[in-house]
């Protein structure tokens, strides 16, 4: 982690804050390194069950820093096209814990792709979304992979191929924003949703999310076989025993993520 990205945790909720407000949280090398470290920390911490990603200041993220953009896509080992690209949350780092993007101001380019990687996007009224890359002479790649999985093809193509911006209500109507919220209520709404997501057994939640994601590219029989295997693994956990015991005792369960 570094000063460009802050990480806080309480009540099993990790809050990842992009912290370059003077640059509208545009991504440079320092922020990219901080974001990658934050998401890996969240992924690997058994005490962190839900993550909220947000931006400090007037924007969520205005995309790649056009002045100080060196390293904004990350540092890779390898050579030319053989360089691996799955090194960040938005490019496909596997995290099966629930994730929430609390967006406001500008949610542009890399910022929008990062938000789309989350399970929920809560948007403050007045947020602007867009992929301006084609207007700058460069293609959108990871965004072009993610957006059509969230909305209708024509809606995705309109945003990706025109480079134009849309507002929060338009994004909600297209289906990739979950809720539009008053700006001064955004952080509280994100935390309220995160607290609701901590009520479920964390291992069961993670297995359910992974199954929902992987089954999209698996045949039906393979999906069911994989899901039933995961059910047995999670069913043998201490939390599964605790869940049934808490039900019998008529008390809230005490999850341990094991």
Foldseek 3Di string as FASTA:
>chain_A
DDQQWDWDDDPLEIEIEGEPQVQLSAFAQVSQVVQLVRVVVLQPDLSRQEYEYAYPHQWRYQYARPVRRYQRQHDFDDDDPVTDRPRGLLQDDDHLGAYEYLTEHEQEQVSVSNRLSGPAYEYEFPYKYAYQVVVVPHARDSLLVRPVVFFPPVVSCVRRVPRDIDTPVVCVVRGSHPYYHHPVCRVVVVVVVVSVSVQDQRLVSSLVSVLVVVVVPDPPVVSVVVSVVSCVVVCPDPQVVQVVVCVVVVHRGDHDSD
